[in-house]
Protein backbone atom coordinates (compact mmCIF):
# COMPACT_ATOMS: atom_id res chain seq x y z
CA UNK A 1 55.94 -98.32 68.35
CA UNK A 2 54.96 -96.15 71.28
CA UNK A 3 57.70 -94.80 73.07
CA UNK A 4 56.78 -97.13 76.44
CA UNK A 5 57.52 -100.41 75.00
CA UNK A 6 61.06 -99.61 74.16
CA UNK A 7 61.98 -98.81 77.78
CA UNK A 8 63.25 -101.71 79.99
CA UNK A 9 63.03 -101.46 83.81
CA UNK A 10 66.34 -100.66 84.35
CA UNK A 11 66.53 -97.94 82.01
CA UNK A 12 63.58 -96.13 84.03
CA UNK A 13 65.62 -96.47 87.02
CA UNK A 14 68.67 -94.95 85.58
CA UNK A 15 66.02 -92.24 83.94
CA UNK A 16 65.05 -91.65 87.47
CA UNK A 17 68.36 -91.64 88.87
CA UNK A 18 69.32 -88.70 86.67
CA UNK A 19 66.48 -86.84 87.61
CA UNK A 20 66.68 -86.81 91.12
CA UNK A 21 66.37 -83.55 93.24
CA UNK A 22 64.58 -81.96 89.88
CA UNK A 23 61.46 -80.57 91.59
CA UNK A 24 59.41 -77.06 90.78
CA UNK A 25 61.61 -74.01 91.52
CA UNK A 26 60.11 -71.62 94.12
CA UNK A 27 61.23 -68.18 92.00
CA UNK A 28 61.42 -69.86 88.21
CA UNK A 29 64.00 -67.70 85.91
CA UNK A 30 62.56 -65.52 83.13
CA UNK A 31 63.27 -66.05 79.53
CA UNK A 32 62.34 -67.43 76.07
CA UNK A 33 59.97 -70.44 76.18
CA UNK A 34 61.13 -73.59 74.82
CA UNK A 35 58.87 -76.69 73.84
CA UNK A 36 60.02 -79.82 74.08
CA UNK A 37 58.34 -82.94 72.16
CA UNK A 38 57.99 -85.33 69.15
CA UNK A 39 58.47 -82.43 67.05
CA UNK A 40 59.53 -83.81 63.72
CA UNK A 41 56.86 -86.85 63.65
CA UNK A 42 53.78 -87.27 61.73
CA UNK A 43 51.78 -87.85 64.65
CA UNK A 44 49.00 -86.78 67.20
CA UNK A 45 51.39 -86.16 69.68
CA UNK A 46 53.92 -84.69 67.51
CA UNK A 47 51.52 -82.10 65.98
CA UNK A 48 50.06 -81.02 69.32
CA UNK A 49 53.86 -79.92 70.29
CA UNK A 50 54.49 -78.37 66.80
CA UNK A 51 51.34 -76.41 67.38
CA UNK A 52 52.34 -75.03 70.51
CA UNK A 53 55.68 -73.89 69.11
CA UNK A 54 53.99 -71.87 66.22
CA UNK A 55 51.43 -70.30 68.55
CA UNK A 56 53.82 -69.02 70.48
CA UNK A 57 55.87 -67.76 67.37
CA UNK A 58 53.16 -66.05 66.06
CA UNK A 59 52.53 -64.03 69.54
CA UNK A 60 55.89 -62.70 69.20
CA UNK A 61 57.63 -65.25 72.07
CA UNK A 62 60.37 -66.77 70.02
CA UNK A 63 60.35 -69.71 70.99
CA UNK A 64 63.40 -72.45 71.15
CA UNK A 65 62.53 -76.21 70.90
CA UNK A 66 63.87 -79.69 71.58
CA UNK A 67 62.83 -82.28 69.07
CA UNK A 68 62.69 -85.73 71.06
CA UNK A 69 62.03 -87.72 68.10
CA UNK A 70 65.52 -88.54 66.72
CA UNK A 71 66.20 -89.55 70.21
CA UNK A 72 63.60 -92.15 71.07
CA UNK A 73 62.07 -92.69 67.73
CA UNK A 74 64.46 -92.18 64.86
CA UNK A 75 62.40 -93.86 62.09
CA UNK A 76 59.23 -91.43 62.40
CA UNK A 77 61.82 -88.35 62.28
CA UNK A 78 60.44 -87.29 58.63
CA UNK A 79 58.80 -83.77 59.05
CA UNK A 80 61.35 -80.79 58.52
CA UNK A 81 62.27 -79.29 62.25
CA UNK A 82 63.88 -76.86 63.75
CA UNK A 83 61.65 -74.25 61.84
CA UNK A 84 63.80 -72.05 59.97
CA UNK A 85 65.08 -68.63 61.94
CA UNK A 86 64.85 -70.49 65.26
CA UNK A 87 66.59 -69.25 67.77
CA UNK A 88 69.06 -71.14 70.52
CA UNK A 89 67.12 -71.96 74.08
CA UNK A 90 68.56 -69.22 76.30
CA UNK A 91 68.51 -71.70 79.12
CA UNK A 92 66.45 -69.41 81.40
CA UNK A 93 62.74 -69.37 80.07
CA UNK A 94 59.76 -71.34 80.70
CA UNK A 95 59.63 -75.32 79.20
CA UNK A 96 56.30 -76.99 77.83
CA UNK A 97 57.09 -80.73 77.60
CA UNK A 98 54.40 -81.99 75.23
CA UNK A 99 54.41 -85.68 75.79
CA UNK A 100 52.26 -87.58 78.09
CA UNK A 101 53.30 -89.11 81.52
CA UNK A 102 54.40 -92.16 80.53
CA UNK A 103 57.10 -90.20 78.66
CA UNK A 104 57.95 -87.51 80.79
CA UNK A 105 60.93 -88.71 82.79
CA UNK A 106 62.45 -89.82 79.37
CA UNK A 107 61.61 -86.33 77.79
CA UNK A 108 62.84 -84.93 81.18
CA UNK A 109 66.32 -86.72 80.81
CA UNK A 110 66.78 -86.17 76.88
CA UNK A 111 66.70 -82.35 78.26
CA UNK A 112 68.51 -82.43 80.93
CA UNK A 113 68.25 -81.58 84.44
CA UNK A 114 71.23 -79.33 84.34
CA UNK A 115 68.73 -77.19 81.46
CA UNK A 116 66.12 -77.27 83.39
CA UNK A 117 67.23 -76.62 87.11
CA UNK A 118 65.44 -73.11 88.24
CA UNK A 119 63.00 -73.08 85.23
CA UNK A 120 59.33 -73.18 84.81
CA UNK A 121 58.21 -76.38 83.85
CA UNK A 122 55.17 -77.85 82.60
CA UNK A 123 54.12 -80.49 81.10
CA UNK A 124 51.33 -80.80 78.41
CA UNK A 125 49.06 -84.10 78.48
CA UNK A 126 46.29 -85.48 76.68
CA UNK A 127 44.39 -88.10 77.94
CA UNK A 128 41.10 -89.77 76.73
CA UNK A 129 39.69 -91.65 79.50
CA UNK A 130 37.83 -89.96 82.29
CA UNK A 131 40.23 -91.07 84.74
CA UNK A 132 44.12 -91.39 84.93
CA UNK A 133 46.75 -94.02 85.77
CA UNK A 134 48.07 -94.11 89.13
CA UNK A 135 51.39 -93.51 87.90
CA UNK A 136 50.53 -90.34 86.45
CA UNK A 137 50.49 -88.82 90.29
CA UNK A 138 54.40 -89.33 90.82
CA UNK A 139 54.99 -88.00 87.35
CA UNK A 140 53.42 -84.65 88.13
CA UNK A 141 55.53 -83.80 90.97
CA UNK A 142 58.31 -82.18 88.75
CA UNK A 143 56.12 -79.84 87.23
CA UNK A 144 54.79 -76.39 88.26
CA UNK A 145 51.36 -76.95 86.21
CA UNK A 146 50.00 -79.72 83.48
CA UNK A 147 48.92 -78.07 81.12
CA UNK A 148 45.80 -80.33 78.95
CA UNK A 149 43.66 -79.57 75.61
CA UNK A 150 40.24 -79.84 76.79
CA UNK A 151 37.96 -79.99 79.92
CA UNK A 152 37.03 -83.33 79.31
CA UNK A 153 41.05 -84.34 80.00
CA UNK A 154 41.06 -81.66 82.74
CA UNK A 155 37.84 -83.42 84.52
CA UNK A 156 39.94 -86.21 84.45
CA UNK A 157 43.62 -85.49 85.69
CA UNK A 158 41.73 -82.90 88.09
CA UNK A 159 40.61 -85.30 91.34
CA UNK A 160 44.26 -86.52 91.86
CA UNK A 161 45.97 -83.86 90.80
CA UNK A 162 43.96 -81.02 91.83
CA UNK A 163 44.57 -77.42 90.75
CA UNK A 164 47.63 -77.87 88.89
CA UNK A 165 46.00 -78.58 86.18
CA UNK A 166 45.35 -75.85 83.22
CA UNK A 167 43.05 -76.21 80.63
CA UNK A 168 44.79 -74.15 77.56
CA UNK A 169 43.66 -75.93 74.19
CA UNK A 170 45.71 -75.90 70.72
CA UNK A 171 46.47 -72.44 68.81
CA UNK A 172 45.88 -73.30 65.44
CA UNK A 173 46.19 -70.92 62.57
CA UNK A 174 44.40 -72.11 59.01
CA UNK A 175 46.22 -74.05 56.60
CA UNK A 176 47.49 -72.72 53.30
CA UNK A 177 45.72 -74.84 50.70
CA UNK A 178 46.31 -75.17 47.23
CA UNK A 179 43.44 -75.31 45.22
CA UNK A 180 45.34 -77.35 42.26
CA UNK A 181 46.08 -80.14 44.90
CA UNK A 182 42.76 -79.84 46.06
CA UNK A 183 41.48 -80.41 42.51
CA UNK A 184 43.94 -83.02 41.87
CA UNK A 185 42.58 -84.79 44.90
CA UNK A 186 39.23 -85.29 43.59
CA UNK A 187 40.12 -86.04 40.26
CA UNK A 188 42.29 -89.07 41.56
CA UNK A 189 39.42 -90.79 43.80
CA UNK A 190 36.26 -89.20 42.25
CA UNK A 191 34.38 -90.51 38.91
CA UNK A 192 33.16 -87.20 38.79
CA UNK A 193 35.06 -84.50 40.94
CA UNK A 194 31.65 -81.99 39.88
CA UNK A 195 29.26 -83.62 41.08
CA UNK A 196 30.62 -86.91 43.21
CA UNK A 197 30.85 -86.68 47.25
CA UNK A 198 34.45 -87.37 48.88
CA UNK A 199 34.04 -88.66 52.87
CA UNK A 200 37.06 -88.60 54.47
CA UNK A 201 38.37 -90.64 58.00
CA UNK A 202 41.76 -91.27 59.22
CA UNK A 203 43.20 -93.54 62.30
CA UNK A 204 46.97 -94.19 63.07
CA UNK A 205 47.74 -97.90 63.90
CA UNK A 206 50.82 -97.23 65.39
CA UNK A 207 48.73 -95.31 67.92
CA UNK A 208 45.54 -96.70 68.56
CA UNK A 209 43.09 -97.94 66.04
CA UNK A 210 40.48 -99.16 68.47
CA UNK A 211 39.73 -95.61 70.20
CA UNK A 212 40.24 -93.45 66.34
CA UNK A 213 37.59 -96.45 65.56
CA UNK A 214 37.48 -95.95 61.76
CA UNK A 215 35.76 -99.24 61.51
CA UNK A 216 32.13 -97.39 62.47
CA UNK A 217 33.07 -94.57 59.93
CA UNK A 218 33.28 -97.31 57.18
CA UNK A 219 30.15 -99.01 57.93
CA UNK A 220 28.32 -95.51 58.64
CA UNK A 221 29.44 -94.93 54.58
CA UNK A 222 28.16 -97.94 53.22
CA UNK A 223 24.97 -97.91 55.64
CA UNK A 224 24.50 -94.60 54.10
CA UNK A 225 25.51 -94.97 50.40
CA UNK A 226 24.29 -98.97 49.98
CA UNK A 227 23.99 -98.62 45.79
CA UNK A 228 25.49 -95.25 44.98
CA UNK A 229 28.41 -95.06 42.59
CA UNK A 230 29.07 -91.28 42.60
CA UNK A 231 30.43 -91.28 46.39
CA UNK A 232 34.07 -92.43 47.76
CA UNK A 233 35.03 -93.39 51.57
CA UNK A 234 38.79 -91.84 51.93
CA UNK A 235 40.60 -93.36 54.93
CA UNK A 236 43.63 -92.24 55.62
CA UNK A 237 45.92 -94.57 57.60
CA UNK A 238 49.70 -94.47 59.41
CA UNK A 239 51.17 -97.47 60.09
CA UNK A 240 49.29 -99.85 58.76
CA UNK A 241 51.52 -102.15 57.29
CA UNK A 242 53.56 -102.61 60.40
CA UNK A 243 49.98 -103.41 62.25
CA UNK A 244 48.88 -106.68 63.82
CA UNK A 245 47.00 -108.77 62.14
CA UNK A 246 43.90 -108.33 63.88
CA UNK A 247 43.96 -104.73 63.30
CA UNK A 248 44.12 -104.95 59.33
CA UNK A 249 41.25 -107.77 59.68
CA UNK A 250 39.12 -105.81 61.58
CA UNK A 251 39.37 -103.10 59.11
CA UNK A 252 39.11 -105.47 56.14
CA UNK A 253 35.94 -106.68 57.40
CA UNK A 254 34.34 -103.49 57.63
CA UNK A 255 35.11 -102.86 54.22
CA UNK A 256 33.86 -106.21 52.95
CA UNK A 257 35.27 -105.96 49.60
CA UNK A 258 33.64 -102.63 48.84
CA UNK A 259 35.86 -100.83 45.94
CA UNK A 260 34.44 -97.33 46.88
CA UNK A 261 36.48 -97.34 49.93
CA UNK A 262 40.12 -96.25 49.50
CA UNK A 263 42.74 -97.03 52.05
CA UNK A 264 45.50 -94.27 52.08
CA UNK A 265 48.47 -95.05 54.29
CA UNK A 266 51.45 -93.76 52.94
CA UNK A 267 52.93 -90.65 54.52
CA UNK A 268 52.30 -87.15 52.42
CA UNK A 269 53.39 -84.47 52.78
CA UNK A 270 51.74 -81.20 55.31
CA UNK A 271 50.97 -79.57 52.22
CA UNK A 272 48.87 -82.20 50.71
CA UNK A 273 47.56 -83.83 53.79
CA UNK A 274 45.64 -80.62 54.74
CA UNK A 275 44.38 -80.42 51.12
CA UNK A 276 43.19 -84.04 51.82
CA UNK A 277 41.18 -82.58 54.53
CA UNK A 278 39.98 -79.29 51.71
CA UNK A 279 39.26 -82.23 49.35
CA UNK A 280 36.74 -83.88 51.83
CA UNK A 281 32.81 -83.39 51.54
CA UNK A 282 33.04 -84.47 54.94
CA UNK A 283 35.33 -85.54 57.40
CA UNK A 284 33.84 -88.26 59.90
CA UNK A 285 35.44 -88.96 63.33
CA UNK A 286 33.45 -91.76 65.12
CA UNK A 287 35.68 -92.08 67.61
CA UNK A 288 35.62 -93.64 71.13
CA UNK A 289 37.53 -90.85 72.61
CA UNK A 290 39.37 -87.67 72.03
CA UNK A 291 41.86 -85.74 74.48
CA UNK A 292 40.92 -82.51 71.89
CA UNK A 293 40.73 -83.67 68.07
CA UNK A 294 43.74 -81.91 66.12
CA UNK A 295 41.91 -83.53 63.11
CA UNK A 296 38.64 -82.54 63.89
CA UNK A 297 39.89 -78.91 63.86
CA UNK A 298 41.68 -79.33 61.12
CA UNK A 299 38.97 -80.67 59.00
CA UNK A 300 36.76 -77.60 60.12
CA UNK A 301 39.24 -74.54 59.64
CA UNK A 302 39.71 -76.09 55.58
CA UNK A 303 35.71 -75.74 55.69
CA UNK A 304 34.99 -79.05 55.47
CA UNK A 305 32.10 -80.24 57.76
CA UNK A 306 32.23 -83.36 60.43
CA UNK A 307 30.41 -85.94 61.71
CA UNK A 308 31.80 -86.70 65.50
CA UNK A 309 30.76 -88.89 68.41
CA UNK A 310 29.46 -86.71 70.62
CA UNK A 311 31.74 -86.76 73.52
CA UNK A 312 35.10 -86.19 74.97
CA UNK A 313 37.53 -83.56 74.48
CA UNK A 314 36.10 -82.24 70.83
CA UNK A 315 32.89 -80.98 72.34
CA UNK A 316 34.78 -78.07 73.60
CA UNK A 317 34.26 -76.73 69.96
CA UNK A 318 31.04 -78.56 69.15
CA UNK A 319 29.14 -75.46 68.59
CA UNK A 320 31.20 -74.51 65.96
CA UNK A 321 29.31 -74.32 62.70
CA UNK A 322 29.67 -77.73 60.46
CA UNK A 323 29.52 -79.99 63.48
CA UNK A 324 26.99 -82.79 63.05
CA UNK A 325 27.85 -84.66 66.68
CA UNK A 326 26.13 -88.18 67.15
CA UNK A 327 25.08 -90.12 70.40
CA UNK A 328 26.82 -92.74 71.76
CA UNK A 329 26.56 -95.53 74.33
CA UNK A 330 29.36 -95.41 77.26
CA UNK A 331 31.09 -99.19 77.72
CA UNK A 332 33.85 -100.77 78.78
CA UNK A 333 37.06 -100.15 76.90
CA UNK A 334 38.74 -102.93 74.68
CA UNK A 335 41.50 -101.60 72.98
CA UNK A 336 44.52 -102.72 70.98
CA UNK A 337 46.48 -100.69 73.39
CA UNK A 338 46.77 -102.18 77.06
CA UNK A 339 46.74 -98.18 78.90
CA UNK A 340 42.98 -97.94 77.96
CA UNK A 341 41.80 -100.96 78.69
CA UNK A 342 42.24 -99.26 82.48
CA UNK A 343 39.74 -100.91 85.48
CA UNK A 344 36.94 -98.74 85.85
CA UNK A 345 37.06 -96.80 82.86
CA UNK A 346 34.61 -96.18 79.96
CA UNK A 347 34.61 -94.36 76.68
CA UNK A 348 32.03 -94.19 73.78
CA UNK A 349 30.35 -96.26 71.56
CA UNK A 350 28.93 -94.11 69.02
CA UNK A 351 25.99 -94.69 67.20
CA UNK A 352 26.94 -95.85 63.36
CA UNK A 353 22.80 -95.47 62.40
CA UNK A 354 22.73 -92.04 63.37
CA UNK A 355 26.21 -91.39 61.80
CA UNK A 356 24.91 -93.00 58.46
CA UNK A 357 21.39 -90.94 58.40
CA UNK A 358 23.54 -87.56 58.61
CA UNK A 359 25.57 -88.93 56.00
CA UNK A 360 22.60 -89.67 53.50
CA UNK A 361 21.07 -86.03 53.82
CA UNK A 362 24.47 -84.42 53.42
CA UNK A 363 25.19 -83.04 49.97
CA UNK A 364 28.69 -81.11 48.98
CA UNK A 365 29.18 -77.84 50.81
CA UNK A 366 29.11 -74.29 49.08
CA UNK A 367 31.51 -72.32 49.10
CA UNK A 368 29.82 -70.05 50.89
CA UNK A 369 29.15 -73.41 53.43
CA UNK A 370 33.21 -73.71 53.48
CA UNK A 371 33.78 -69.95 54.16
CA UNK A 372 31.18 -70.33 57.27
CA UNK A 373 32.66 -73.17 58.56
CA UNK A 374 36.72 -71.93 57.75
CA UNK A 375 36.05 -68.22 59.52
CA UNK A 376 33.88 -69.54 62.50
CA UNK A 377 36.74 -72.29 63.04
CA UNK A 378 39.64 -69.51 62.17
CA UNK A 379 38.30 -67.27 64.87
CA UNK A 380 37.94 -70.24 67.39
CA UNK A 381 41.55 -71.62 67.28
CA UNK A 382 43.35 -68.15 66.45
CA UNK A 383 47.03 -67.93 68.40
CA UNK A 384 45.13 -64.56 69.59
CA UNK A 385 42.29 -66.34 71.09
CA UNK A 386 44.55 -68.98 72.61
CA UNK A 387 46.89 -66.12 74.65
CA UNK A 388 43.72 -66.08 77.01
CA UNK A 389 44.36 -69.05 78.27
CA UNK A 390 48.01 -68.85 79.29
CA UNK A 391 48.64 -69.56 82.87
CA UNK A 392 49.94 -66.16 84.72
CA UNK A 393 52.73 -68.20 86.08
CA UNK A 394 53.88 -69.21 82.80
CA UNK A 395 53.54 -65.27 80.98
CA UNK A 396 55.26 -64.05 84.13
CA UNK A 397 58.61 -66.55 83.73
CA UNK A 398 58.54 -65.45 79.91
CA UNK A 399 60.48 -62.28 78.94
CA UNK A 400 57.51 -60.69 77.09
CA UNK A 401 54.31 -60.78 78.93
């Protein structure tokens, strides 16, 4: 359940009162950075915060962290956190708050005004529509900067927030892939793991299945392979057992009883999740919009080609080898989560026929092709490259700059 559904107006008022007087300091203190977010939760916003922490660690900034998951979504606090050897917050360095605007007051309140006062504060916001809800403007006033993952999100926020918005992206190291786990996955799902073709799609029912749009990937797969028995589509979902009947019905209708399409809703250890992407011959993301596209980036880092909607945040790295972008039509959102049904907004309706044509023409990538894809992605997302995007104000607030 999204955090905002857990909150009541009286709680909102109490949180606002607890943050009274918290505003950007004119002369922030300096020290080691801290990352606050849903760091132990297996969801996109949690993974993004963890990426920031990992990137800062790789660059030698020795960040501390504040995990919000046990406070606000205890049932989802299942990933190991904090990392071994992490130092305590020094109370002085910059604070990166990796939650979106609606959750911002709750995150700041949990960290505590006393701990935040006098420090450089940056909110890290992802958003998937070309305009923002008006309430986000007020939430931005407590931060020195608002960091965003892509030019697409920046273009959404800047008309209201101006130069406070900074595009920083994410640092992502290539995952360590276990070859035996990859082989076991292909053995499990394909009739012949050596010659078969495995496609992968994904969607989180507790986020927005309408936005991730796995039904489009399913329909494109069935159109591309109407009668081949050596192909499979694995759809990695999360939270499907708790999803609405309407969400499950739409997935079932798209699958249409096709036994070549497998739903996998159980949580996976990170190593097996990464191996899943490496085991696939293509990752299909016919999303309606992405603020960044962590799963797309993750697939490329394992050397797996991707078929993606040619719109929104993932276009920042659409030129990487192995990327096949499909056309789209912009339409009015009709989402399963109300925040996307914003008056005047649009998102993409991807061309499923074009995606099917691309799928039909793909073969299992060779080792050389995988190496080319993975190497280019590793260079693009490397922490050393990401450091160039860190803002001067943030670096000035760090002990090591």
